[in-house]
Amino acid sequence: MNLRHYLQFKDLSADEYAYLLTRAAFIKQKFKAVEKHQPFADPDRTLAMIFEKASTRTRVSFEAGMYQLGGSVVHLTTGDSQLGRAEPIEDSAKVISRMVDLVMIRTYEQSKLERFATHSRVPVINGLTNEFHPCQILADLFTMVEYRPAASGNPLDALKGKVVAWVGDGNNMANTWLQAAELLGFTVHVSTPSGYEVDPKLAGVSNPTCYKVFKDPKEACKGADLVTTDVWTSMGYEAENEVRRAAFAKWCVDEAMMAVAKPDALFMHCLPAHRGEEVSAEVIDGPQSVVWDEAENRMHVQKALMEYLLLGRLA
């Protein structure tokens, strides 16, 4: 298989996503049945995880997932690596990629990730950047399909024509939702405070029909199959916290917003969550919330992704 990277959602095709979502379901079934699935055991494969932005879920999901696949993990942070500090990123990429089979990077600028990938001999995965969070959206889509499967059995049929309401910041998650909508045939209703809008050019979408913009977050939620949000202040923007709290005050996903969505609408949040800010406790802890399955599913879709990038299609 030719060298492939996963730097943003549109790096893969719809057909590849159909495979990944199906494969993730198979891998999760193995996990739940406590059955071994170790395609990386012989020969042993190694994942290097590089963190410039700290994370709980990204580290645990990738590390546990790699071990479950039979591989090994090397964990690096800015404190114990030379990435972009005393050594150019390009040189770090050339060295690290000679010693491991996969690299996952969680960093700030997308450009830094792209520079690393350009000089890597192995697949590079975006664990999160300021601009995109493709692994999280992959997990969210898998969770949607898991809860609302298509009668045809094709996971993409479960997504076509659906409406996802994004309430909150026009951030990396929102950008990635737009890419997914354009590629997989659903619509995103976007509602953000003034000054925090999604930039379609930054998001990398050209089809204006894949999203609609609403000033009123409750209007964005009308008829939605999924309502989702994120923290008001993403990592790296902490200095803006008080200004953002004031600007986002009306963008808390509450029971009134969920009430105008479809009766069987799901609620998702990539976590960590701040109850009483971007989401009420009644919603995130309520019956429509699937955030815990969503969080677990990061591991299963990432296992399918790593397997695919290294070994190609196995079924």
C-alpha atoms as a PDB file:
ATOM      1  CA  MET A   1       0.000   0.000   0.000  1.00  0.00           C
ATOM      2  CA  ASN A   2       1.278   3.478  -0.885  1.00  0.00           C
ATOM      3  CA  LEU A   3       2.176   5.833   1.952  1.00  0.00           C
ATOM      4  CA  ARG A   4      -0.952   7.620   3.214  1.00  0.00           C
ATOM      5  CA  HIS A   5      -1.329  10.273   5.888  1.00  0.00           C
ATOM      6  CA  TYR A   6      -4.447  11.326   7.804  1.00  0.00           C
ATOM      7  CA  LEU A   7      -4.019  15.049   8.354  1.00  0.00           C
ATOM      8  CA  GLN A   8      -7.604  16.187   7.775  1.00  0.00           C
ATOM      9  CA  PHE A   9     -10.924  14.481   7.173  1.00  0.00           C
ATOM     10  CA  LYS A  10     -10.935  14.915   3.394  1.00  0.00           C
ATOM     11  CA  ASP A  11      -7.680  12.957   3.054  1.00  0.00           C
ATOM     12  CA  LEU A  12      -9.783   9.794   2.642  1.00  0.00           C
ATOM     13  CA  SER A  13     -12.624   9.023   0.229  1.00  0.00           C
ATOM     14  CA  ALA A  14     -16.244   8.172   1.014  1.00  0.00           C
ATOM     15  CA  ASP A  15     -15.560   4.567   0.025  1.00  0.00           C
ATOM     16  CA  GLU A  16     -12.645   4.414   2.464  1.00  0.00           C
ATOM     17  CA  TYR A  17     -14.857   5.768   5.229  1.00  0.00           C
ATOM     18  CA  ALA A  18     -17.458   3.104   4.491  1.00  0.00           C
ATOM     19  CA  TYR A  19     -14.714   0.530   4.999  1.00  0.00           C
ATOM     20  CA  LEU A  20     -13.345   2.168   8.163  1.00  0.00           C
ATOM     21  CA  LEU A  21     -16.757   2.448   9.831  1.00  0.00           C
ATOM     22  CA  THR A  22     -17.498  -1.195   9.040  1.00  0.00           C
ATOM     23  CA  ARG A  23     -14.058  -2.285  10.172  1.00  0.00           C
ATOM     24  CA  ALA A  24     -14.334  -0.289  13.419  1.00  0.00           C
ATOM     25  CA  ALA A  25     -17.566  -2.162  14.224  1.00  0.00           C
ATOM     26  CA  PHE A  26     -15.764  -5.480  13.692  1.00  0.00           C
ATOM     27  CA  ILE A  27     -12.828  -4.409  15.866  1.00  0.00           C
ATOM     28  CA  LYS A  28     -15.141  -3.143  18.620  1.00  0.00           C
ATOM     29  CA  GLN A  29     -17.045  -6.438  18.560  1.00  0.00           C
ATOM     30  CA  LYS A  30     -13.756  -8.276  19.105  1.00  0.00           C
ATOM     31  CA  PHE A  31     -12.892  -5.962  22.000  1.00  0.00           C
ATOM     32  CA  LYS A  32     -16.268  -6.463  23.694  1.00  0.00           C
ATOM     33  CA  ALA A  33     -15.984 -10.235  23.328  1.00  0.00           C
ATOM     34  CA  VAL A  34     -12.459 -10.105  24.845  1.00  0.00           C
ATOM     35  CA  GLU A  35     -11.077 -11.738  21.711  1.00  0.00           C
ATOM     36  CA  LYS A  36      -7.554 -11.010  20.504  1.00  0.00           C
ATOM     37  CA  HIS A  37      -7.164  -8.936  17.375  1.00  0.00           C
ATOM     38  CA  GLN A  38      -3.446  -8.308  16.955  1.00  0.00           C
ATOM     39  CA  PRO A  39      -2.439  -7.651  13.346  1.00  0.00           C
ATOM     40  CA  PHE A  40       0.550  -5.626  14.609  1.00  0.00           C
ATOM     41  CA  ALA A  41       2.019  -8.400  16.793  1.00  0.00           C
ATOM     42  CA  ASP A  42       4.145 -10.153  14.172  1.00  0.00           C
ATOM     43  CA  PRO A  43       6.078  -8.243  13.106  1.00  0.00           C
ATOM     44  CA  ASP A  44       5.775  -5.849  16.020  1.00  0.00           C
ATOM     45  CA  ARG A  45       4.700  -2.368  14.918  1.00  0.00           C
ATOM     46  CA  THR A  46       5.489   0.816  16.859  1.00  0.00           C
ATOM     47  CA  LEU A  47       3.501   4.029  17.147  1.00  0.00           C
ATOM     48  CA  ALA A  48       5.226   7.284  18.131  1.00  0.00           C
ATOM     49  CA  MET A  49       2.841   9.704  19.856  1.00  0.00           C
ATOM     50  CA  ILE A  50       4.026  13.323  19.907  1.00  0.00           C
ATOM     51  CA  PHE A  51       2.143  15.734  22.165  1.00  0.00           C
ATOM     52  CA  GLU A  52       2.583  19.498  22.047  1.00  0.00           C
ATOM     53  CA  LYS A  53      -0.997  19.779  23.349  1.00  0.00           C
ATOM     54  CA  ALA A  54      -1.757  17.624  26.378  1.00  0.00           C
ATOM     55  CA  SER A  55      -4.704  15.210  26.262  1.00  0.00           C
ATOM     56  CA  THR A  56      -6.326  12.439  28.261  1.00  0.00           C
ATOM     57  CA  ARG A  57      -8.586  10.828  25.659  1.00  0.00           C
ATOM     58  CA  THR A  58      -6.155  11.086  22.745  1.00  0.00           C
ATOM     59  CA  ARG A  59      -3.319   9.479  24.674  1.00  0.00           C
ATOM     60  CA  VAL A  60      -5.377   6.696  26.248  1.00  0.00           C
ATOM     61  CA  SER A  61      -7.284   5.868  23.051  1.00  0.00           C
ATOM     62  CA  PHE A  62      -4.197   5.675  20.841  1.00  0.00           C
ATOM     63  CA  GLU A  63      -1.946   3.995  23.393  1.00  0.00           C
ATOM     64  CA  ALA A  64      -4.463   1.394  24.547  1.00  0.00           C
ATOM     65  CA  GLY A  65      -5.561   0.833  20.962  1.00  0.00           C
ATOM     66  CA  MET A  66      -2.022   0.232  19.723  1.00  0.00           C
ATOM     67  CA  TYR A  67      -1.307  -2.253  22.522  1.00  0.00           C
ATOM     68  CA  GLN A  68      -4.565  -4.068  21.781  1.00  0.00           C
ATOM     69  CA  LEU A  69      -3.498  -4.381  18.134  1.00  0.00           C
ATOM     70  CA  GLY A  70      -0.333  -6.091  19.347  1.00  0.00           C
ATOM     71  CA  GLY A  71       1.991  -3.139  18.785  1.00  0.00           C
ATOM     72  CA  SER A  72       4.185  -0.887  20.905  1.00  0.00           C
ATOM     73  CA  VAL A  73       4.087   2.816  21.775  1.00  0.00           C
ATOM     74  CA  VAL A  74       6.655   5.565  22.266  1.00  0.00           C
ATOM     75  CA  HIS A  75       5.267   8.644  24.038  1.00  0.00           C
ATOM     76  CA  LEU A  76       6.936  12.019  23.444  1.00  0.00           C
ATOM     77  CA  THR A  77       6.150  15.525  24.679  1.00  0.00           C
ATOM     78  CA  THR A  78       7.812  18.883  24.000  1.00  0.00           C
ATOM     79  CA  GLY A  79       9.658  18.415  27.275  1.00  0.00           C
ATOM     80  CA  ASP A  80      11.434  15.252  26.181  1.00  0.00           C
ATOM     81  CA  SER A  81      11.755  15.738  22.416  1.00  0.00           C
ATOM     82  CA  GLN A  82      13.403  18.220  20.071  1.00  0.00           C
ATOM     83  CA  LEU A  83      10.355  18.724  17.850  1.00  0.00           C
ATOM     84  CA  GLY A  84      10.460  22.269  16.511  1.00  0.00           C
ATOM     85  CA  ARG A  85      12.785  23.392  19.270  1.00  0.00           C
ATOM     86  CA  ALA A  86      16.522  22.729  18.890  1.00  0.00           C
ATOM     87  CA  GLU A  87      15.902  20.662  15.761  1.00  0.00           C
ATOM     88  CA  PRO A  88      13.916  21.577  12.635  1.00  0.00           C
ATOM     89  CA  ILE A  89      10.652  19.699  12.259  1.00  0.00           C
ATOM     90  CA  GLU A  90      11.838  18.309   8.960  1.00  0.00           C
ATOM     91  CA  ASP A  91      14.882  16.707  10.618  1.00  0.00           C
ATOM     92  CA  SER A  92      12.786  15.278  13.470  1.00  0.00           C
ATOM     93  CA  ALA A  93      10.457  13.710  10.921  1.00  0.00           C
ATOM     94  CA  LYS A  94      13.307  12.100   9.015  1.00  0.00           C
ATOM     95  CA  VAL A  95      14.780  10.599  12.185  1.00  0.00           C
ATOM     96  CA  ILE A  96      11.621   9.495  14.020  1.00  0.00           C
ATOM     97  CA  SER A  97      10.036   7.953  10.930  1.00  0.00           C
ATOM     98  CA  ARG A  98      13.087   5.698  10.445  1.00  0.00           C
ATOM     99  CA  MET A  99      12.515   4.141  13.867  1.00  0.00           C
ATOM    100  CA  VAL A 100       8.728   3.631  14.064  1.00  0.00           C
ATOM    101  CA  ASP A 101       5.857   2.492  11.836  1.00  0.00           C
ATOM    102  CA  LEU A 102       3.284   5.209  12.591  1.00  0.00           C
ATOM    103  CA  VAL A 103       3.327   8.720  14.027  1.00  0.00           C
ATOM    104  CA  MET A 104       0.441  10.503  15.774  1.00  0.00           C
ATOM    105  CA  ILE A 105       0.896  14.213  16.440  1.00  0.00           C
ATOM    106  CA  ARG A 106      -1.273  16.490  18.593  1.00  0.00           C
ATOM    107  CA  THR A 107      -0.073  20.047  18.079  1.00  0.00           C
ATOM    108  CA  TYR A 108      -1.100  23.640  17.424  1.00  0.00           C
ATOM    109  CA  GLU A 109      -0.593  24.703  13.796  1.00  0.00           C
ATOM    110  CA  GLN A 110      -1.751  22.417  10.979  1.00  0.00           C
ATOM    111  CA  SER A 111       1.267  23.619   9.009  1.00  0.00           C
ATOM    112  CA  LYS A 112       3.610  22.008  11.538  1.00  0.00           C
ATOM    113  CA  LEU A 113       1.849  18.671  11.111  1.00  0.00           C
ATOM    114  CA  GLU A 114       2.018  18.982   7.326  1.00  0.00           C
ATOM    115  CA  ARG A 115       5.742  19.786   7.397  1.00  0.00           C
ATOM    116  CA  PHE A 116       6.385  16.701   9.493  1.00  0.00           C
ATOM    117  CA  ALA A 117       4.308  14.505   7.171  1.00  0.00           C
ATOM    118  CA  THR A 118       6.101  15.798   4.072  1.00  0.00           C
ATOM    119  CA  HIS A 119       9.391  14.429   5.423  1.00  0.00           C
ATOM    120  CA  SER A 120       8.054  11.261   7.093  1.00  0.00           C
ATOM    121  CA  ARG A 121       8.633   7.779   5.714  1.00  0.00           C
ATOM    122  CA  VAL A 122       5.621   6.411   7.634  1.00  0.00           C
ATOM    123  CA  PRO A 123       1.952   7.399   7.974  1.00  0.00           C
ATOM    124  CA  VAL A 124       1.253  10.476  10.093  1.00  0.00           C
ATOM    125  CA  ILE A 125      -2.091  10.918  11.912  1.00  0.00           C
ATOM    126  CA  ASN A 126      -3.582  14.188  13.120  1.00  0.00           C
ATOM    127  CA  GLY A 127      -4.408  13.769  16.810  1.00  0.00           C
ATOM    128  CA  LEU A 128      -5.670  17.391  16.845  1.00  0.00           C
ATOM    129  CA  THR A 129      -4.536  20.757  15.523  1.00  0.00           C
ATOM    130  CA  ASN A 130      -5.978  24.246  15.844  1.00  0.00           C
ATOM    131  CA  GLU A 131      -7.612  23.765  12.454  1.00  0.00           C
ATOM    132  CA  PHE A 132      -8.842  20.144  12.373  1.00  0.00           C
ATOM    133  CA  HIS A 133      -9.763  17.152  14.558  1.00  0.00           C
ATOM    134  CA  PRO A 134     -10.501  14.312  12.099  1.00  0.00           C
ATOM    135  CA  CYS A 135     -10.182  11.377  14.508  1.00  0.00           C
ATOM    136  CA  GLN A 136     -12.869  12.852  16.746  1.00  0.00           C
ATOM    137  CA  ILE A 137     -15.319  13.364  13.883  1.00  0.00           C
ATOM    138  CA  LEU A 138     -14.601   9.824  12.692  1.00  0.00           C
ATOM    139  CA  ALA A 139     -15.574   8.592  16.162  1.00  0.00           C
ATOM    140  CA  ASP A 140     -18.692  10.781  16.178  1.00  0.00           C
ATOM    141  CA  LEU A 141     -19.834   9.440  12.810  1.00  0.00           C
ATOM    142  CA  PHE A 142     -19.232   5.875  13.950  1.00  0.00           C
ATOM    143  CA  THR A 143     -21.341   6.580  17.042  1.00  0.00           C
ATOM    144  CA  MET A 144     -24.144   7.997  14.885  1.00  0.00           C
ATOM    145  CA  VAL A 145     -24.120   4.895  12.693  1.00  0.00           C
ATOM    146  CA  GLU A 146     -23.966   2.638  15.742  1.00  0.00           C
ATOM    147  CA  TYR A 147     -27.064   4.231  17.290  1.00  0.00           C
ATOM    148  CA  ARG A 148     -28.991   4.846  14.072  1.00  0.00           C
ATOM    149  CA  PRO A 149     -27.872   2.167  11.565  1.00  0.00           C
ATOM    150  CA  ALA A 150     -29.140   2.055   7.997  1.00  0.00           C
ATOM    151  CA  ALA A 151     -31.441  -0.770   6.949  1.00  0.00           C
ATOM    152  CA  SER A 152     -29.117  -1.420   4.004  1.00  0.00           C
ATOM    153  CA  GLY A 153     -26.181  -2.157   6.268  1.00  0.00           C
ATOM    154  CA  ASN A 154     -24.073   0.453   4.451  1.00  0.00           C
ATOM    155  CA  PRO A 155     -22.826   2.893   7.112  1.00  0.00           C
ATOM    156  CA  LEU A 156     -22.838   5.789   4.675  1.00  0.00           C
ATOM    157  CA  ASP A 157     -26.571   5.307   4.052  1.00  0.00           C
ATOM    158  CA  ALA A 158     -27.087   5.995   7.758  1.00  0.00           C
ATOM    159  CA  LEU A 159     -25.498   9.431   7.312  1.00  0.00           C
ATOM    160  CA  LYS A 160     -26.874  10.628   3.986  1.00  0.00           C
ATOM    161  CA  GLY A 161     -29.443  13.404   4.356  1.00  0.00           C
ATOM    162  CA  LYS A 162     -28.971  13.743   8.099  1.00  0.00           C
ATOM    163  CA  VAL A 163     -28.752  17.097   9.899  1.00  0.00           C
ATOM    164  CA  VAL A 164     -26.042  17.814  12.459  1.00  0.00           C
ATOM    165  CA  ALA A 165     -26.463  20.954  14.573  1.00  0.00           C
ATOM    166  CA  TRP A 166     -23.179  22.513  15.641  1.00  0.00           C
ATOM    167  CA  VAL A 167     -23.686  24.981  18.494  1.00  0.00           C
ATOM    168  CA  GLY A 168     -20.725  27.001  19.734  1.00  0.00           C
ATOM    169  CA  ASP A 169     -17.281  27.970  18.494  1.00  0.00           C
ATOM    170  CA  GLY A 170     -16.313  27.830  14.816  1.00  0.00           C
ATOM    171  CA  ASN A 171     -13.255  25.807  15.756  1.00  0.00           C
ATOM    172  CA  ASN A 172     -11.358  22.714  14.582  1.00  0.00           C
ATOM    173  CA  MET A 173     -14.348  20.497  15.301  1.00  0.00           C
ATOM    174  CA  ALA A 174     -16.696  22.701  13.272  1.00  0.00           C
ATOM    175  CA  ASN A 175     -14.214  22.812  10.387  1.00  0.00           C
ATOM    176  CA  THR A 176     -13.998  19.040  10.341  1.00  0.00           C
ATOM    177  CA  TRP A 177     -17.771  18.586  10.531  1.00  0.00           C
ATOM    178  CA  LEU A 178     -18.079  20.691   7.370  1.00  0.00           C
ATOM    179  CA  GLN A 179     -15.526  18.524   5.559  1.00  0.00           C
ATOM    180  CA  ALA A 180     -17.377  15.376   6.605  1.00  0.00           C
ATOM    181  CA  ALA A 181     -20.737  16.791   5.491  1.00  0.00           C
ATOM    182  CA  GLU A 182     -19.422  17.725   2.064  1.00  0.00           C
ATOM    183  CA  LEU A 183     -17.825  14.325   1.536  1.00  0.00           C
ATOM    184  CA  LEU A 184     -20.524  12.070   2.998  1.00  0.00           C
ATOM    185  CA  GLY A 185     -23.716  13.844   2.000  1.00  0.00           C
ATOM    186  CA  PHE A 186     -25.271  15.338   5.134  1.00  0.00           C
ATOM    187  CA  THR A 187     -25.853  18.918   6.307  1.00  0.00           C
ATOM    188  CA  VAL A 188     -24.419  20.864   9.232  1.00  0.00           C
ATOM    189  CA  HIS A 189     -26.473  23.621  10.867  1.00  0.00           C
ATOM    190  CA  VAL A 190     -23.883  26.001  12.287  1.00  0.00           C
ATOM    191  CA  SER A 191     -24.650  28.549  14.998  1.00  0.00           C
ATOM    192  CA  THR A 192     -21.833  30.593  16.525  1.00  0.00           C
ATOM    193  CA  PRO A 193     -21.628  33.968  18.255  1.00  0.00           C
ATOM    194  CA  SER A 194     -20.645  36.914  16.089  1.00  0.00           C
ATOM    195  CA  GLY A 195     -16.884  36.959  15.605  1.00  0.00           C
ATOM    196  CA  TYR A 196     -16.516  33.192  16.065  1.00  0.00           C
ATOM    197  CA  GLU A 197     -17.906  32.009  12.729  1.00  0.00           C
ATOM    198  CA  VAL A 198     -16.636  29.085  10.698  1.00  0.00           C
ATOM    199  CA  ASP A 199     -14.465  30.111   7.739  1.00  0.00           C
ATOM    200  CA  PRO A 200     -15.398  27.801   4.819  1.00  0.00           C
ATOM    201  CA  LYS A 201     -12.057  28.495   3.109  1.00  0.00           C
ATOM    202  CA  LEU A 202     -10.128  27.468   6.225  1.00  0.00           C
ATOM    203  CA  ALA A 203     -12.409  24.478   6.619  1.00  0.00           C
ATOM    204  CA  GLY A 204     -11.570  23.531   3.055  1.00  0.00           C
ATOM    205  CA  VAL A 205     -15.105  23.103   1.695  1.00  0.00           C
ATOM    206  CA  SER A 206     -16.403  24.412  -1.623  1.00  0.00           C
ATOM    207  CA  ASN A 207     -20.005  23.165  -1.587  1.00  0.00           C
ATOM    208  CA  PRO A 208     -22.185  25.787   0.174  1.00  0.00           C
ATOM    209  CA  THR A 209     -25.117  23.359   0.386  1.00  0.00           C
ATOM    210  CA  CYS A 210     -23.351  21.153   2.938  1.00  0.00           C
ATOM    211  CA  TYR A 211     -23.947  23.687   5.719  1.00  0.00           C
ATOM    212  CA  LYS A 212     -26.394  26.397   6.807  1.00  0.00           C
ATOM    213  CA  VAL A 213     -25.652  29.261   9.187  1.00  0.00           C
ATOM    214  CA  PHE A 214     -28.070  30.308  11.940  1.00  0.00           C
ATOM    215  CA  LYS A 215     -27.803  33.317  14.268  1.00  0.00           C
ATOM    216  CA  ASP A 216     -30.157  31.646  16.755  1.00  0.00           C
ATOM    217  CA  PRO A 217     -28.754  28.366  18.129  1.00  0.00           C
ATOM    218  CA  LYS A 218     -32.254  27.066  18.848  1.00  0.00           C
ATOM    219  CA  GLU A 219     -33.171  27.518  15.174  1.00  0.00           C
ATOM    220  CA  ALA A 220     -30.059  25.552  14.212  1.00  0.00           C
ATOM    221  CA  CYS A 221     -31.263  22.636  16.358  1.00  0.00           C
ATOM    222  CA  LYS A 222     -34.703  22.390  14.727  1.00  0.00           C
ATOM    223  CA  GLY A 223     -35.126  19.004  13.089  1.00  0.00           C
ATOM    224  CA  ALA A 224     -31.541  17.932  13.834  1.00  0.00           C
ATOM    225  CA  ASP A 225     -30.585  14.264  14.060  1.00  0.00           C
ATOM    226  CA  LEU A 226     -27.566  15.171  16.181  1.00  0.00           C
ATOM    227  CA  VAL A 227     -26.817  18.188  18.371  1.00  0.00           C
ATOM    228  CA  THR A 228     -23.177  18.635  19.268  1.00  0.00           C
ATOM    229  CA  THR A 229     -20.890  21.216  20.813  1.00  0.00           C
ATOM    230  CA  ASP A 230     -17.450  21.807  22.341  1.00  0.00           C
ATOM    231  CA  VAL A 231     -15.916  23.922  25.078  1.00  0.00           C
ATOM    232  CA  TRP A 232     -16.122  27.651  24.562  1.00  0.00           C
ATOM    233  CA  THR A 233     -12.386  28.120  25.058  1.00  0.00           C
ATOM    234  CA  SER A 234     -10.155  25.615  23.282  1.00  0.00           C
ATOM    235  CA  MET A 235      -6.609  24.880  24.432  1.00  0.00           C
ATOM    236  CA  GLY A 236      -4.318  27.749  23.498  1.00  0.00           C
ATOM    237  CA  TYR A 237      -7.015  30.414  23.825  1.00  0.00           C
ATOM    238  CA  GLU A 238      -7.183  30.575  27.622  1.00  0.00           C
ATOM    239  CA  ALA A 239      -6.392  34.315  27.675  1.00  0.00           C
ATOM    240  CA  GLU A 240      -9.751  34.891  25.960  1.00  0.00           C
ATOM    241  CA  ASN A 241     -11.729  32.880  28.495  1.00  0.00           C
ATOM    242  CA  GLU A 242     -13.716  35.684  30.146  1.00  0.00           C
ATOM    243  CA  VAL A 243     -14.477  37.423  26.852  1.00  0.00           C
ATOM    244  CA  ARG A 244     -15.643  34.122  25.368  1.00  0.00           C
ATOM    245  CA  ARG A 245     -17.848  33.288  28.349  1.00  0.00           C
ATOM    246  CA  ALA A 246     -19.715  36.546  27.799  1.00  0.00           C
ATOM    247  CA  ALA A 247     -19.955  36.097  24.018  1.00  0.00           C
ATOM    248  CA  PHE A 248     -21.150  32.482  24.200  1.00  0.00           C
ATOM    249  CA  ALA A 249     -23.701  32.890  27.015  1.00  0.00           C
ATOM    250  CA  LYS A 250     -26.663  32.084  24.719  1.00  0.00           C
ATOM    251  CA  TRP A 251     -24.933  29.095  23.129  1.00  0.00           C
ATOM    252  CA  CYS A 252     -25.398  26.600  25.956  1.00  0.00           C
ATOM    253  CA  VAL A 253     -27.059  23.436  24.650  1.00  0.00           C
ATOM    254  CA  ASP A 254     -29.998  22.966  26.994  1.00  0.00           C
ATOM    255  CA  GLU A 255     -33.242  21.020  27.141  1.00  0.00           C
ATOM    256  CA  ALA A 256     -35.071  23.676  25.086  1.00  0.00           C
ATOM    257  CA  MET A 257     -32.648  23.199  22.203  1.00  0.00           C
ATOM    258  CA  MET A 258     -32.895  19.416  22.363  1.00  0.00           C
ATOM    259  CA  ALA A 259     -36.689  19.671  22.441  1.00  0.00           C
ATOM    260  CA  VAL A 260     -36.813  21.204  18.948  1.00  0.00           C
ATOM    261  CA  ALA A 261     -34.454  18.597  17.485  1.00  0.00           C
ATOM    262  CA  LYS A 262     -35.888  15.301  16.260  1.00  0.00           C
ATOM    263  CA  PRO A 263     -37.457  13.206  19.063  1.00  0.00           C
ATOM    264  CA  ASP A 264     -34.705  10.595  18.712  1.00  0.00           C
ATOM    265  CA  ALA A 265     -31.883  13.139  18.284  1.00  0.00           C
ATOM    266  CA  LEU A 266     -28.554  12.334  19.893  1.00  0.00           C
ATOM    267  CA  PHE A 267     -26.286  14.689  21.844  1.00  0.00           C
ATOM    268  CA  MET A 268     -22.503  14.535  21.562  1.00  0.00           C
ATOM    269  CA  HIS A 269     -19.540  16.387  23.054  1.00  0.00           C
ATOM    270  CA  CYS A 270     -15.877  15.573  22.430  1.00  0.00           C
ATOM    271  CA  LEU A 271     -15.043  16.233  26.123  1.00  0.00           C
ATOM    272  CA  PRO A 272     -13.904  17.481  28.556  1.00  0.00           C
ATOM    273  CA  ALA A 273     -17.219  19.248  29.209  1.00  0.00           C
ATOM    274  CA  HIS A 274     -18.112  22.177  31.435  1.00  0.00           C
ATOM    275  CA  ARG A 275     -21.650  21.661  32.695  1.00  0.00           C
ATOM    276  CA  GLY A 276     -23.516  24.932  32.865  1.00  0.00           C
ATOM    277  CA  GLU A 277     -21.368  26.512  30.142  1.00  0.00           C
ATOM    278  CA  GLU A 278     -21.532  24.939  26.663  1.00  0.00           C
ATOM    279  CA  VAL A 279     -24.010  22.265  27.809  1.00  0.00           C
ATOM    280  CA  SER A 280     -26.435  21.869  30.683  1.00  0.00           C
ATOM    281  CA  ALA A 281     -26.076  18.966  33.090  1.00  0.00           C
ATOM    282  CA  GLU A 282     -29.601  17.864  32.174  1.00  0.00           C
ATOM    283  CA  VAL A 283     -28.528  17.347  28.540  1.00  0.00           C
ATOM    284  CA  ILE A 284     -25.085  15.803  28.886  1.00  0.00           C
ATOM    285  CA  ASP A 285     -26.277  13.471  31.646  1.00  0.00           C
ATOM    286  CA  GLY A 286     -29.669  12.932  30.060  1.00  0.00           C
ATOM    287  CA  PRO A 287     -31.129  10.082  27.975  1.00  0.00           C
ATOM    288  CA  GLN A 288     -30.187  11.556  24.573  1.00  0.00           C
ATOM    289  CA  SER A 289     -26.516  11.939  25.460  1.00  0.00           C
ATOM    290  CA  VAL A 290     -24.133   9.351  24.001  1.00  0.00           C
ATOM    291  CA  VAL A 291     -20.905  11.054  25.058  1.00  0.00           C
ATOM    292  CA  TRP A 292     -19.445   8.039  26.882  1.00  0.00           C
ATOM    293  CA  ASP A 293     -19.884   5.701  23.924  1.00  0.00           C
ATOM    294  CA  GLU A 294     -18.574   8.496  21.732  1.00  0.00           C
ATOM    295  CA  ALA A 295     -15.442   8.753  23.890  1.00  0.00           C
ATOM    296  CA  GLU A 296     -14.821   4.989  23.837  1.00  0.00           C
ATOM    297  CA  ASN A 297     -15.330   4.902  20.102  1.00  0.00           C
ATOM    298  CA  ARG A 298     -12.272   7.097  19.578  1.00  0.00           C
ATOM    299  CA  MET A 299     -10.214   4.005  20.381  1.00  0.00           C
ATOM    300  CA  HIS A 300     -12.074   1.679  18.036  1.00  0.00           C
ATOM    301  CA  VAL A 301     -12.054   3.962  14.991  1.00  0.00           C
ATOM    302  CA  GLN A 302      -8.408   4.835  15.546  1.00  0.00           C
ATOM    303  CA  LYS A 303      -7.541   1.140  15.659  1.00  0.00           C
ATOM    304  CA  ALA A 304      -9.314   0.700  12.327  1.00  0.00           C
ATOM    305  CA  LEU A 305      -7.516   3.758  10.945  1.00  0.00           C
ATOM    306  CA  MET A 306      -4.033   2.648  12.061  1.00  0.00           C
ATOM    307  CA  GLU A 307      -4.651  -0.847  10.711  1.00  0.00           C
ATOM    308  CA  TYR A 308      -5.766   0.584   7.363  1.00  0.00           C
ATOM    309  CA  LEU A 309      -2.854   3.013   7.010  1.00  0.00           C
ATOM    310  CA  LEU A 310      -0.328   0.227   7.638  1.00  0.00           C
ATOM    311  CA  LEU A 311      -1.954  -2.873   6.188  1.00  0.00           C
ATOM    312  CA  GLY A 312      -4.646  -1.680   3.789  1.00  0.00           C
ATOM    313  CA  ARG A 313      -8.021  -3.412   3.533  1.00  0.00           C
ATOM    314  CA  LEU A 314      -8.183  -6.699   5.393  1.00  0.00           C
ATOM    315  CA  ALA A 315     -11.824  -7.563   4.674  1.00  0.00           C
END
